[in-house]
């Protein structure tokens, strides 16, 4: 049993390592980028920014994209479109007066039976 668990763990580690090694960042979607200056390491001289030379994320194009990307789920609806028939509200727990047929809702219990106290429940 221990060898089976060890084998499965080793295969999982190897599979994960291969998937990380073969990951291709060229398949990721392109974006305008963020401001990054072309800086280099003082020790090796290699560039330190992954997107050196990319333009900043500002400007009219970025502002327009940011405004239009949130239109659908950030709207504020202060007036419920389903309340256009309400004429008068009567307070909490009571139905309002509406245009159209006046629906009366009867209480669910109209009468009750009295149970006398001489019965014993086992």
Protein backbone atom coordinates (compact mmCIF):
# COMPACT_ATOMS: atom_id res chain seq x y z
CA UNK A 1 0.00 0.00 0.00
CA UNK A 2 2.86 2.36 0.81
CA UNK A 3 4.47 1.75 -2.57
CA UNK A 4 1.18 2.47 -4.33
CA UNK A 5 0.79 5.80 -2.50
CA UNK A 6 4.43 6.67 -3.18
CA UNK A 7 4.07 5.84 -6.88
CA UNK A 8 0.90 7.91 -7.23
CA UNK A 9 2.52 10.85 -5.40
CA UNK A 10 5.63 10.66 -7.58
CA UNK A 11 3.55 10.57 -10.77
CA UNK A 12 1.51 13.55 -9.56
CA UNK A 13 4.66 15.55 -8.82
CA UNK A 14 6.19 14.70 -12.20
CA UNK A 15 2.95 15.56 -14.01
CA UNK A 16 2.68 18.89 -12.23
CA UNK A 17 6.32 19.70 -12.99
CA UNK A 18 5.86 18.93 -16.68
CA UNK A 19 2.69 21.04 -16.89
CA UNK A 20 4.48 24.02 -15.32
CA UNK A 21 7.47 23.59 -17.61
CA UNK A 22 5.33 23.43 -20.75
CA UNK A 23 3.07 26.36 -19.86
CA UNK A 24 3.07 28.79 -22.76
CA UNK A 25 2.51 32.46 -21.86
CA UNK A 26 2.04 33.27 -25.55
CA UNK A 27 -1.42 31.67 -25.30
CA UNK A 28 -2.55 34.19 -22.68
CA UNK A 29 -4.69 37.10 -23.88
CA UNK A 30 -2.87 40.32 -24.71
CA UNK A 31 -3.65 43.51 -22.82
CA UNK A 32 -2.42 47.07 -22.86
CA UNK A 33 -0.08 46.40 -19.97
CA UNK A 34 0.93 48.47 -17.00
CA UNK A 35 3.53 51.21 -16.81
CA UNK A 36 6.94 49.58 -16.55
CA UNK A 37 10.26 51.21 -17.17
CA UNK A 38 13.05 49.32 -18.85
CA UNK A 39 15.08 48.51 -15.76
CA UNK A 40 17.92 46.05 -15.49
CA UNK A 41 19.40 44.07 -12.65
CA UNK A 42 22.50 45.73 -11.19
CA UNK A 43 24.16 42.33 -10.76
CA UNK A 44 23.50 40.45 -14.00
CA UNK A 45 22.30 43.21 -16.32
CA UNK A 46 19.18 41.23 -17.29
CA UNK A 47 15.87 43.07 -17.66
CA UNK A 48 13.77 42.90 -14.50
CA UNK A 49 10.36 43.69 -16.01
CA UNK A 50 8.43 40.94 -17.75
CA UNK A 51 6.76 43.42 -20.07
CA UNK A 52 9.60 45.85 -20.74
CA UNK A 53 8.71 48.17 -23.58
CA UNK A 54 4.93 47.72 -23.25
CA UNK A 55 2.90 50.88 -23.15
CA UNK A 56 1.12 51.92 -19.98
CA UNK A 57 -2.47 51.01 -19.22
CA UNK A 58 -3.63 54.62 -19.24
CA UNK A 59 -5.02 56.81 -21.95
CA UNK A 60 -8.36 57.18 -23.67
CA UNK A 61 -8.54 53.56 -24.88
CA UNK A 62 -8.04 52.13 -21.39
CA UNK A 63 -10.55 54.54 -19.83
CA UNK A 64 -13.16 53.69 -22.45
CA UNK A 65 -12.66 49.95 -21.96
CA UNK A 66 -12.91 50.27 -18.18
CA UNK A 67 -16.12 52.28 -18.38
CA UNK A 68 -17.88 49.91 -20.77
CA UNK A 69 -16.74 46.70 -19.08
CA UNK A 70 -18.90 47.22 -15.97
CA UNK A 71 -22.11 48.62 -17.43
CA UNK A 72 -24.28 45.53 -17.04
CA UNK A 73 -23.76 44.62 -13.41
CA UNK A 74 -23.13 47.97 -11.74
CA UNK A 75 -26.32 49.81 -12.65
CA UNK A 76 -28.37 51.30 -9.87
CA UNK A 77 -32.12 50.71 -10.21
CA UNK A 78 -33.78 52.97 -7.67
CA UNK A 79 -37.31 52.49 -9.03
CA UNK A 80 -38.63 48.97 -9.29
CA UNK A 81 -40.25 48.60 -12.75
CA UNK A 82 -42.76 46.13 -11.26
CA UNK A 83 -44.27 48.79 -8.99
CA UNK A 84 -45.83 50.97 -11.70
CA UNK A 85 -49.37 49.77 -10.81
CA UNK A 86 -49.23 50.75 -7.12
CA UNK A 87 -51.57 53.63 -6.26
CA UNK A 88 -51.34 53.71 -2.48
CA UNK A 89 -49.34 51.88 0.18
CA UNK A 90 -51.08 51.00 3.45
CA UNK A 91 -48.12 50.14 5.64
CA UNK A 92 -46.24 47.09 6.77
CA UNK A 93 -48.01 43.75 6.52
CA UNK A 94 -50.82 45.07 4.32
CA UNK A 95 -51.23 44.82 0.57
CA UNK A 96 -51.13 48.12 -1.36
CA UNK A 97 -53.95 49.44 -3.54
CA UNK A 98 -53.10 48.82 -7.19
CA UNK A 99 -54.55 49.68 -10.58
CA UNK A 100 -56.63 46.86 -12.01
CA UNK A 101 -58.62 44.21 -10.20
CA UNK A 102 -58.66 44.50 -6.42
CA UNK A 103 -57.68 41.09 -5.12
CA UNK A 104 -58.83 40.21 -1.64
CA UNK A 105 -56.84 37.55 0.19
CA UNK A 106 -58.88 35.82 2.86
CA UNK A 107 -57.17 34.67 6.04
CA UNK A 108 -56.20 31.00 5.91
CA UNK A 109 -58.28 30.11 9.02
CA UNK A 110 -61.89 31.27 9.30
CA UNK A 111 -62.99 29.25 12.29
CA UNK A 112 -61.43 27.09 14.95
CA UNK A 113 -62.55 24.23 17.17
CA UNK A 114 -62.02 24.26 20.89
CA UNK A 115 -60.38 21.26 22.52
CA UNK A 116 -61.58 20.62 26.01
CA UNK A 117 -59.03 20.01 28.72
CA UNK A 118 -60.49 16.71 30.01
CA UNK A 119 -58.72 14.58 27.40
CA UNK A 120 -55.38 13.06 28.32
CA UNK A 121 -52.70 12.34 25.76
CA UNK A 122 -50.63 9.23 26.37
